[in-house]
């Protein structure tokens, strides 16, 4: 027979566990109720936990000290892009609208190397944590796409190390396979948090997107090893010569513009060397 003292101890322990379970359930229900009240982009922001950084590792985020004002700018920019992406279907339209809004609200953002680096670092950190936390990598793809966009913008407009943004690379993150997604994030963070995940997904075939809108492959997705780039601009990717020819009327204007920009960029680079 257990002693009366031991019985009372077990009863107190059971009561504490029941109270904790009740409190946890109450908190969970409160979160669900709160997400029902806010708009879709705010619910996504809460799910992605953009305002918090991982307790164990920040994946490189926070290495550059930001003022509270600069930190707020980074968070507002991400909110703006997410709000637009949840209300539009066309990816290019999303970028144009979100870029216009953020540029008007924060005119110094697109010319500040520090802010752009911090913004990219925040997006990479959040995307990495989503891969580690969730089975669904859709939020991580959005973060990777935005990180790639702002990094490309910084290279072209601020660092001036490239002639044009590689829109093909940016857009491919919208539906990137897990191998491509995890490899990109893993190479950009300064920790080893994605090493184990990369070993799990590296057997997945890396896929690319054919730039011919009428490509016969499902969703224009093709094994990346089968693809080649436009020999003139180097930006548009195709699965076959037939698809490249079929898309030439659509691509020609962009191709000519990219070639001119790259020629002007190369000319400036040569002048600096001389």
C-alpha atoms as a PDB file:
ATOM      1  CA  UNK A   1       0.000   0.000   0.000  1.00  0.00           C
ATOM      2  CA  UNK A   2       1.457   3.416  -0.946  1.00  0.00           C
ATOM      3  CA  UNK A   3       1.758   5.874   1.893  1.00  0.00           C
ATOM      4  CA  UNK A   4      -0.694   8.735   2.258  1.00  0.00           C
ATOM      5  CA  UNK A   5       2.173  11.207   1.693  1.00  0.00           C
ATOM      6  CA  UNK A   6       3.130   9.627  -1.640  1.00  0.00           C
ATOM      7  CA  UNK A   7      -0.499   9.569  -2.738  1.00  0.00           C
ATOM      8  CA  UNK A   8      -0.862  13.289  -2.011  1.00  0.00           C
ATOM      9  CA  UNK A   9       2.359  13.998  -3.952  1.00  0.00           C
ATOM     10  CA  UNK A  10       1.089  12.117  -6.998  1.00  0.00           C
ATOM     11  CA  UNK A  11      -2.211  13.970  -6.802  1.00  0.00           C
ATOM     12  CA  UNK A  12      -0.454  17.365  -6.703  1.00  0.00           C
ATOM     13  CA  UNK A  13       1.734  16.379  -9.679  1.00  0.00           C
ATOM     14  CA  UNK A  14      -1.298  15.236 -11.684  1.00  0.00           C
ATOM     15  CA  UNK A  15      -3.103  18.491 -10.874  1.00  0.00           C
ATOM     16  CA  UNK A  16      -0.124  20.566 -12.064  1.00  0.00           C
ATOM     17  CA  UNK A  17       0.104  18.623 -15.316  1.00  0.00           C
ATOM     18  CA  UNK A  18      -3.624  19.041 -15.925  1.00  0.00           C
ATOM     19  CA  UNK A  19      -3.391  22.795 -15.270  1.00  0.00           C
ATOM     20  CA  UNK A  20      -0.425  23.131 -17.657  1.00  0.00           C
ATOM     21  CA  UNK A  21      -2.234  21.178 -20.376  1.00  0.00           C
ATOM     22  CA  UNK A  22      -5.286  23.405 -19.941  1.00  0.00           C
ATOM     23  CA  UNK A  23      -3.148  26.552 -20.168  1.00  0.00           C
ATOM     24  CA  UNK A  24      -1.364  25.312 -23.307  1.00  0.00           C
ATOM     25  CA  UNK A  25      -4.680  24.507 -24.957  1.00  0.00           C
ATOM     26  CA  UNK A  26      -6.018  27.944 -24.036  1.00  0.00           C
ATOM     27  CA  UNK A  27      -2.957  29.604 -25.575  1.00  0.00           C
ATOM     28  CA  UNK A  28      -3.331  27.522 -28.755  1.00  0.00           C
ATOM     29  CA  UNK A  29      -6.977  28.464 -29.110  1.00  0.00           C
ATOM     30  CA  UNK A  30      -6.109  32.134 -28.566  1.00  0.00           C
ATOM     31  CA  UNK A  31      -3.554  32.012 -31.399  1.00  0.00           C
ATOM     32  CA  UNK A  32      -6.090  30.376 -33.717  1.00  0.00           C
ATOM     33  CA  UNK A  33      -8.718  32.988 -32.840  1.00  0.00           C
ATOM     34  CA  UNK A  34      -6.228  35.782 -33.420  1.00  0.00           C
ATOM     35  CA  UNK A  35      -5.270  34.463 -36.859  1.00  0.00           C
ATOM     36  CA  UNK A  36      -8.937  34.316 -37.833  1.00  0.00           C
ATOM     37  CA  UNK A  37      -9.307  38.011 -37.018  1.00  0.00           C
ATOM     38  CA  UNK A  38      -6.294  39.335 -38.950  1.00  0.00           C
ATOM     39  CA  UNK A  39      -5.816  39.565 -42.710  1.00  0.00           C
ATOM     40  CA  UNK A  40      -4.159  36.807 -44.748  1.00  0.00           C
ATOM     41  CA  UNK A  41      -0.750  38.495 -44.942  1.00  0.00           C
ATOM     42  CA  UNK A  42      -0.703  39.187 -41.194  1.00  0.00           C
ATOM     43  CA  UNK A  43      -1.551  35.547 -40.508  1.00  0.00           C
ATOM     44  CA  UNK A  44       1.342  34.564 -42.767  1.00  0.00           C
ATOM     45  CA  UNK A  45       3.634  36.967 -40.922  1.00  0.00           C
ATOM     46  CA  UNK A  46       2.674  35.352 -37.623  1.00  0.00           C
ATOM     47  CA  UNK A  47       3.227  31.887 -39.058  1.00  0.00           C
ATOM     48  CA  UNK A  48       6.623  32.855 -40.443  1.00  0.00           C
ATOM     49  CA  UNK A  49       7.539  34.539 -37.143  1.00  0.00           C
ATOM     50  CA  UNK A  50       9.479  37.256 -38.941  1.00  0.00           C
ATOM     51  CA  UNK A  51       9.901  39.368 -35.824  1.00  0.00           C
ATOM     52  CA  UNK A  52      11.720  36.640 -33.898  1.00  0.00           C
ATOM     53  CA  UNK A  53      15.031  34.933 -34.432  1.00  0.00           C
ATOM     54  CA  UNK A  54      15.830  31.344 -33.481  1.00  0.00           C
ATOM     55  CA  UNK A  55      16.980  30.877 -29.897  1.00  0.00           C
ATOM     56  CA  UNK A  56      19.671  28.312 -30.682  1.00  0.00           C
ATOM     57  CA  UNK A  57      21.091  29.879 -33.864  1.00  0.00           C
ATOM     58  CA  UNK A  58      20.300  33.029 -35.846  1.00  0.00           C
ATOM     59  CA  UNK A  59      21.801  31.623 -39.082  1.00  0.00           C
ATOM     60  CA  UNK A  60      23.916  34.726 -39.575  1.00  0.00           C
ATOM     61  CA  UNK A  61      21.189  37.280 -38.910  1.00  0.00           C
ATOM     62  CA  UNK A  62      22.123  40.088 -36.538  1.00  0.00           C
ATOM     63  CA  UNK A  63      25.853  40.151 -37.302  1.00  0.00           C
ATOM     64  CA  UNK A  64      25.411  43.776 -38.409  1.00  0.00           C
ATOM     65  CA  UNK A  65      24.028  46.001 -35.663  1.00  0.00           C
ATOM     66  CA  UNK A  66      20.918  47.908 -36.757  1.00  0.00           C
ATOM     67  CA  UNK A  67      19.205  50.839 -35.137  1.00  0.00           C
ATOM     68  CA  UNK A  68      15.589  50.248 -34.052  1.00  0.00           C
ATOM     69  CA  UNK A  69      14.513  52.450 -36.961  1.00  0.00           C
ATOM     70  CA  UNK A  70      16.451  50.443 -39.545  1.00  0.00           C
ATOM     71  CA  UNK A  71      15.158  47.183 -38.082  1.00  0.00           C
ATOM     72  CA  UNK A  72      11.596  48.476 -38.416  1.00  0.00           C
ATOM     73  CA  UNK A  73      12.252  49.359 -42.067  1.00  0.00           C
ATOM     74  CA  UNK A  74      13.418  45.802 -42.807  1.00  0.00           C
ATOM     75  CA  UNK A  75      10.348  44.324 -41.134  1.00  0.00           C
ATOM     76  CA  UNK A  76       7.975  46.750 -42.880  1.00  0.00           C
ATOM     77  CA  UNK A  77       9.508  45.971 -46.280  1.00  0.00           C
ATOM     78  CA  UNK A  78       9.012  42.234 -45.766  1.00  0.00           C
ATOM     79  CA  UNK A  79       5.426  42.823 -44.612  1.00  0.00           C
ATOM     80  CA  UNK A  80       4.745  44.906 -47.719  1.00  0.00           C
ATOM     81  CA  UNK A  81       6.049  42.233 -50.079  1.00  0.00           C
ATOM     82  CA  UNK A  82       4.138  39.470 -48.308  1.00  0.00           C
ATOM     83  CA  UNK A  83       0.932  41.543 -48.376  1.00  0.00           C
ATOM     84  CA  UNK A  84       1.279  42.035 -52.128  1.00  0.00           C
ATOM     85  CA  UNK A  85       2.171  38.402 -52.808  1.00  0.00           C
ATOM     86  CA  UNK A  86      -0.928  37.164 -51.002  1.00  0.00           C
ATOM     87  CA  UNK A  87      -3.162  39.423 -53.084  1.00  0.00           C
ATOM     88  CA  UNK A  88      -1.694  38.905 -56.593  1.00  0.00           C
ATOM     89  CA  UNK A  89      -1.073  35.919 -58.861  1.00  0.00           C
ATOM     90  CA  UNK A  90       1.392  37.403 -61.370  1.00  0.00           C
ATOM     91  CA  UNK A  91       4.904  37.331 -59.878  1.00  0.00           C
ATOM     92  CA  UNK A  92       6.304  40.213 -61.951  1.00  0.00           C
ATOM     93  CA  UNK A  93       3.285  42.342 -61.073  1.00  0.00           C
ATOM     94  CA  UNK A  94       3.958  41.567 -57.402  1.00  0.00           C
ATOM     95  CA  UNK A  95       7.552  42.752 -57.613  1.00  0.00           C
ATOM     96  CA  UNK A  96       6.672  45.926 -59.521  1.00  0.00           C
ATOM     97  CA  UNK A  97       3.934  46.940 -57.097  1.00  0.00           C
ATOM     98  CA  UNK A  98       5.807  45.996 -53.921  1.00  0.00           C
ATOM     99  CA  UNK A  99       9.008  47.692 -55.133  1.00  0.00           C
ATOM    100  CA  UNK A 100       7.104  50.869 -55.988  1.00  0.00           C
ATOM    101  CA  UNK A 101       5.414  50.999 -52.595  1.00  0.00           C
ATOM    102  CA  UNK A 102       8.594  50.367 -50.603  1.00  0.00           C
ATOM    103  CA  UNK A 103      10.646  52.772 -52.722  1.00  0.00           C
ATOM    104  CA  UNK A 104       8.143  55.565 -52.161  1.00  0.00           C
ATOM    105  CA  UNK A 105       7.910  54.875 -48.428  1.00  0.00           C
ATOM    106  CA  UNK A 106      11.623  54.244 -47.853  1.00  0.00           C
ATOM    107  CA  UNK A 107      13.571  56.039 -50.631  1.00  0.00           C
ATOM    108  CA  UNK A 108      16.938  55.324 -48.977  1.00  0.00           C
ATOM    109  CA  UNK A 109      16.392  51.562 -48.788  1.00  0.00           C
ATOM    110  CA  UNK A 110      17.310  50.725 -52.373  1.00  0.00           C
ATOM    111  CA  UNK A 111      20.603  52.648 -52.159  1.00  0.00           C
ATOM    112  CA  UNK A 112      21.735  51.585 -48.690  1.00  0.00           C
ATOM    113  CA  UNK A 113      24.223  48.717 -48.701  1.00  0.00           C
ATOM    114  CA  UNK A 114      23.803  48.173 -44.950  1.00  0.00           C
ATOM    115  CA  UNK A 115      20.009  47.993 -45.067  1.00  0.00           C
ATOM    116  CA  UNK A 116      19.971  45.696 -48.095  1.00  0.00           C
ATOM    117  CA  UNK A 117      22.527  43.337 -46.536  1.00  0.00           C
ATOM    118  CA  UNK A 118      20.528  43.224 -43.305  1.00  0.00           C
ATOM    119  CA  UNK A 119      17.298  42.644 -45.214  1.00  0.00           C
ATOM    120  CA  UNK A 120      18.814  39.754 -47.179  1.00  0.00           C
ATOM    121  CA  UNK A 121      20.303  38.314 -43.965  1.00  0.00           C
ATOM    122  CA  UNK A 122      16.917  38.477 -42.223  1.00  0.00           C
ATOM    123  CA  UNK A 123      15.197  36.731 -45.148  1.00  0.00           C
ATOM    124  CA  UNK A 124      17.823  33.984 -45.349  1.00  0.00           C
ATOM    125  CA  UNK A 125      17.632  33.396 -41.599  1.00  0.00           C
ATOM    126  CA  UNK A 126      13.837  33.201 -41.625  1.00  0.00           C
ATOM    127  CA  UNK A 127      13.795  30.946 -44.683  1.00  0.00           C
ATOM    128  CA  UNK A 128      16.319  28.617 -43.068  1.00  0.00           C
ATOM    129  CA  UNK A 129      14.301  28.376 -39.872  1.00  0.00           C
ATOM    130  CA  UNK A 130      11.123  27.595 -41.815  1.00  0.00           C
ATOM    131  CA  UNK A 131      12.883  24.707 -43.569  1.00  0.00           C
ATOM    132  CA  UNK A 132      13.979  23.370 -40.184  1.00  0.00           C
ATOM    133  CA  UNK A 133      10.593  23.876 -38.482  1.00  0.00           C
ATOM    134  CA  UNK A 134       8.053  22.897 -41.134  1.00  0.00           C
ATOM    135  CA  UNK A 135       7.384  20.143 -43.609  1.00  0.00           C
ATOM    136  CA  UNK A 136       5.875  22.667 -46.038  1.00  0.00           C
ATOM    137  CA  UNK A 137       8.640  24.741 -47.649  1.00  0.00           C
ATOM    138  CA  UNK A 138       6.332  27.226 -49.416  1.00  0.00           C
ATOM    139  CA  UNK A 139       7.075  30.041 -46.916  1.00  0.00           C
ATOM    140  CA  UNK A 140      10.800  29.316 -47.221  1.00  0.00           C
ATOM    141  CA  UNK A 141      10.555  29.604 -51.024  1.00  0.00           C
ATOM    142  CA  UNK A 142       8.997  33.053 -50.672  1.00  0.00           C
ATOM    143  CA  UNK A 143      11.792  34.177 -48.352  1.00  0.00           C
ATOM    144  CA  UNK A 144      14.463  32.748 -50.680  1.00  0.00           C
ATOM    145  CA  UNK A 145      12.908  34.500 -53.686  1.00  0.00           C
ATOM    146  CA  UNK A 146      12.848  37.847 -51.881  1.00  0.00           C
ATOM    147  CA  UNK A 147      16.399  37.342 -50.597  1.00  0.00           C
ATOM    148  CA  UNK A 148      17.582  36.619 -54.145  1.00  0.00           C
ATOM    149  CA  UNK A 149      15.752  39.684 -55.459  1.00  0.00           C
ATOM    150  CA  UNK A 150      17.206  42.128 -52.933  1.00  0.00           C
ATOM    151  CA  UNK A 151      20.666  40.577 -53.312  1.00  0.00           C
ATOM    152  CA  UNK A 152      20.479  40.974 -57.080  1.00  0.00           C
ATOM    153  CA  UNK A 153      19.247  44.570 -56.654  1.00  0.00           C
ATOM    154  CA  UNK A 154      22.178  45.334 -54.371  1.00  0.00           C
ATOM    155  CA  UNK A 155      24.680  43.828 -56.832  1.00  0.00           C
ATOM    156  CA  UNK A 156      23.285  45.865 -59.732  1.00  0.00           C
ATOM    157  CA  UNK A 157      22.294  49.174 -58.143  1.00  0.00           C
ATOM    158  CA  UNK A 158      24.571  49.539 -55.111  1.00  0.00           C
ATOM    159  CA  UNK A 159      27.691  47.380 -55.445  1.00  0.00           C
ATOM    160  CA  UNK A 160      27.532  47.722 -59.250  1.00  0.00           C
ATOM    161  CA  UNK A 161      29.077  44.298 -59.801  1.00  0.00           C
ATOM    162  CA  UNK A 162      26.424  43.161 -62.306  1.00  0.00           C
ATOM    163  CA  UNK A 163      24.692  44.713 -65.288  1.00  0.00           C
ATOM    164  CA  UNK A 164      21.141  43.411 -64.749  1.00  0.00           C
ATOM    165  CA  UNK A 165      18.995  41.468 -62.325  1.00  0.00           C
ATOM    166  CA  UNK A 166      18.686  37.785 -63.188  1.00  0.00           C
ATOM    167  CA  UNK A 167      14.894  37.577 -63.138  1.00  0.00           C
ATOM    168  CA  UNK A 168      14.888  33.948 -64.277  1.00  0.00           C
ATOM    169  CA  UNK A 169      16.831  32.918 -61.187  1.00  0.00           C
ATOM    170  CA  UNK A 170      14.631  35.040 -58.917  1.00  0.00           C
ATOM    171  CA  UNK A 171      11.335  33.690 -60.260  1.00  0.00           C
ATOM    172  CA  UNK A 172      12.438  30.053 -60.151  1.00  0.00           C
ATOM    173  CA  UNK A 173      12.429  30.156 -56.349  1.00  0.00           C
ATOM    174  CA  UNK A 174       8.653  30.619 -56.487  1.00  0.00           C
ATOM    175  CA  UNK A 175       8.276  26.896 -57.266  1.00  0.00           C
ATOM    176  CA  UNK A 176      11.788  25.623 -56.506  1.00  0.00           C
ATOM    177  CA  UNK A 177      12.323  21.971 -55.628  1.00  0.00           C
ATOM    178  CA  UNK A 178      13.630  21.238 -52.124  1.00  0.00           C
ATOM    179  CA  UNK A 179      17.123  20.429 -53.425  1.00  0.00           C
ATOM    180  CA  UNK A 180      17.482  23.839 -55.105  1.00  0.00           C
ATOM    181  CA  UNK A 181      15.920  25.677 -52.149  1.00  0.00           C
ATOM    182  CA  UNK A 182      17.999  24.083 -49.401  1.00  0.00           C
ATOM    183  CA  UNK A 183      21.232  24.296 -51.406  1.00  0.00           C
ATOM    184  CA  UNK A 184      20.730  28.044 -51.966  1.00  0.00           C
ATOM    185  CA  UNK A 185      20.010  28.760 -48.304  1.00  0.00           C
ATOM    186  CA  UNK A 186      22.813  26.487 -47.073  1.00  0.00           C
ATOM    187  CA  UNK A 187      25.406  28.281 -49.199  1.00  0.00           C
ATOM    188  CA  UNK A 188      24.292  31.713 -47.983  1.00  0.00           C
ATOM    189  CA  UNK A 189      24.175  31.194 -44.204  1.00  0.00           C
ATOM    190  CA  UNK A 190      27.277  31.061 -41.994  1.00  0.00           C
ATOM    191  CA  UNK A 191      26.247  28.053 -39.888  1.00  0.00           C
ATOM    192  CA  UNK A 192      25.879  24.305 -40.458  1.00  0.00           C
ATOM    193  CA  UNK A 193      22.205  24.103 -39.477  1.00  0.00           C
ATOM    194  CA  UNK A 194      21.091  22.927 -42.929  1.00  0.00           C
ATOM    195  CA  UNK A 195      23.798  20.296 -43.427  1.00  0.00           C
ATOM    196  CA  UNK A 196      21.600  17.429 -42.241  1.00  0.00           C
ATOM    197  CA  UNK A 197      18.602  18.646 -44.254  1.00  0.00           C
ATOM    198  CA  UNK A 198      20.742  18.983 -47.372  1.00  0.00           C
ATOM    199  CA  UNK A 199      21.828  15.348 -47.092  1.00  0.00           C
ATOM    200  CA  UNK A 200      18.125  14.405 -47.068  1.00  0.00           C
ATOM    201  CA  UNK A 201      17.174  16.398 -50.176  1.00  0.00           C
ATOM    202  CA  UNK A 202      20.273  16.253 -52.378  1.00  0.00           C
ATOM    203  CA  UNK A 203      18.957  13.070 -54.032  1.00  0.00           C
ATOM    204  CA  UNK A 204      15.996  15.096 -55.369  1.00  0.00           C
ATOM    205  CA  UNK A 205      16.400  15.998 -59.034  1.00  0.00           C
ATOM    206  CA  UNK A 206      17.013  19.721 -59.482  1.00  0.00           C
ATOM    207  CA  UNK A 207      14.408  21.232 -61.772  1.00  0.00           C
ATOM    208  CA  UNK A 208      14.420  24.385 -63.863  1.00  0.00           C
ATOM    209  CA  UNK A 209      11.713  26.398 -65.621  1.00  0.00           C
ATOM    210  CA  UNK A 210      11.633  26.623 -69.395  1.00  0.00           C
ATOM    211  CA  UNK A 211      11.057  30.237 -70.473  1.00  0.00           C
ATOM    212  CA  UNK A 212       8.755  29.189 -73.303  1.00  0.00           C
ATOM    213  CA  UNK A 213       5.177  29.780 -72.004  1.00  0.00           C
ATOM    214  CA  UNK A 214       3.859  27.061 -74.318  1.00  0.00           C
ATOM    215  CA  UNK A 215       6.436  24.456 -73.254  1.00  0.00           C
ATOM    216  CA  UNK A 216       4.909  20.968 -73.292  1.00  0.00           C
ATOM    217  CA  UNK A 217       6.483  19.919 -69.980  1.00  0.00           C
ATOM    218  CA  UNK A 218       4.104  20.070 -66.965  1.00  0.00           C
ATOM    219  CA  UNK A 219       4.308  23.572 -65.473  1.00  0.00           C
ATOM    220  CA  UNK A 220       7.302  24.159 -67.804  1.00  0.00           C
ATOM    221  CA  UNK A 221       9.435  22.212 -65.295  1.00  0.00           C
ATOM    222  CA  UNK A 222      12.428  20.342 -66.717  1.00  0.00           C
ATOM    223  CA  UNK A 223      15.477  18.643 -65.237  1.00  0.00           C
ATOM    224  CA  UNK A 224      18.080  21.368 -64.868  1.00  0.00           C
ATOM    225  CA  UNK A 225      20.778  19.171 -66.445  1.00  0.00           C
ATOM    226  CA  UNK A 226      18.749  19.119 -69.677  1.00  0.00           C
ATOM    227  CA  UNK A 227      18.471  22.903 -69.963  1.00  0.00           C
ATOM    228  CA  UNK A 228      20.580  25.591 -71.624  1.00  0.00           C
ATOM    229  CA  UNK A 229      20.623  29.395 -71.546  1.00  0.00           C
ATOM    230  CA  UNK A 230      20.106  31.927 -74.324  1.00  0.00           C
ATOM    231  CA  UNK A 231      23.525  32.432 -75.916  1.00  0.00           C
ATOM    232  CA  UNK A 232      22.933  36.190 -76.378  1.00  0.00           C
ATOM    233  CA  UNK A 233      21.752  37.344 -72.946  1.00  0.00           C
ATOM    234  CA  UNK A 234      22.532  34.306 -70.814  1.00  0.00           C
ATOM    235  CA  UNK A 235      19.417  34.841 -68.675  1.00  0.00           C
ATOM    236  CA  UNK A 236      16.547  32.918 -70.315  1.00  0.00           C
ATOM    237  CA  UNK A 237      16.594  29.116 -69.937  1.00  0.00           C
ATOM    238  CA  UNK A 238      15.090  26.570 -72.331  1.00  0.00           C
ATOM    239  CA  UNK A 239      14.608  22.823 -72.502  1.00  0.00           C
ATOM    240  CA  UNK A 240      15.078  22.559 -76.284  1.00  0.00           C
ATOM    241  CA  UNK A 241      15.914  24.492 -79.439  1.00  0.00           C
ATOM    242  CA  UNK A 242      12.248  24.190 -80.425  1.00  0.00           C
ATOM    243  CA  UNK A 243      11.128  25.963 -77.250  1.00  0.00           C
ATOM    244  CA  UNK A 244      13.775  28.661 -77.706  1.00  0.00           C
ATOM    245  CA  UNK A 245      12.572  29.341 -81.251  1.00  0.00           C
ATOM    246  CA  UNK A 246       8.920  29.326 -80.192  1.00  0.00           C
ATOM    247  CA  UNK A 247       9.598  31.905 -77.457  1.00  0.00           C
ATOM    248  CA  UNK A 248      11.887  34.183 -79.470  1.00  0.00           C
ATOM    249  CA  UNK A 249       9.188  36.729 -80.359  1.00  0.00           C
ATOM    250  CA  UNK A 250       8.385  37.084 -76.666  1.00  0.00           C
ATOM    251  CA  UNK A 251      11.987  37.073 -75.480  1.00  0.00           C
ATOM    252  CA  UNK A 252      13.554  39.210 -78.205  1.00  0.00           C
ATOM    253  CA  UNK A 253      12.785  42.608 -76.639  1.00  0.00           C
ATOM    254  CA  UNK A 254      14.124  41.606 -73.226  1.00  0.00           C
ATOM    255  CA  UNK A 255      17.115  39.900 -74.834  1.00  0.00           C
ATOM    256  CA  UNK A 256      18.091  43.033 -76.793  1.00  0.00           C
ATOM    257  CA  UNK A 257      17.749  45.185 -73.672  1.00  0.00           C
ATOM    258  CA  UNK A 258      19.857  42.840 -71.535  1.00  0.00           C
ATOM    259  CA  UNK A 259      22.583  42.661 -74.200  1.00  0.00           C
ATOM    260  CA  UNK A 260      22.749  46.478 -74.365  1.00  0.00           C
ATOM    261  CA  UNK A 261      22.923  46.801 -70.578  1.00  0.00           C
ATOM    262  CA  UNK A 262      25.683  44.202 -70.332  1.00  0.00           C
ATOM    263  CA  UNK A 263      27.662  45.866 -73.135  1.00  0.00           C
ATOM    264  CA  UNK A 264      27.420  49.252 -71.404  1.00  0.00           C
ATOM    265  CA  UNK A 265      28.427  47.662 -68.086  1.00  0.00           C
ATOM    266  CA  UNK A 266      31.458  45.939 -69.628  1.00  0.00           C
ATOM    267  CA  UNK A 267      32.499  49.213 -71.276  1.00  0.00           C
ATOM    268  CA  UNK A 268      32.426  51.037 -67.937  1.00  0.00           C
ATOM    269  CA  UNK A 269      34.408  48.264 -66.288  1.00  0.00           C
ATOM    270  CA  UNK A 270      37.102  48.539 -68.964  1.00  0.00           C
ATOM    271  CA  UNK A 271      37.267  52.338 -68.533  1.00  0.00           C
ATOM    272  CA  UNK A 272      37.877  51.903 -64.819  1.00  0.00           C
ATOM    273  CA  UNK A 273      40.712  49.465 -65.455  1.00  0.00           C
ATOM    274  CA  UNK A 274      42.363  51.860 -67.929  1.00  0.00           C
END
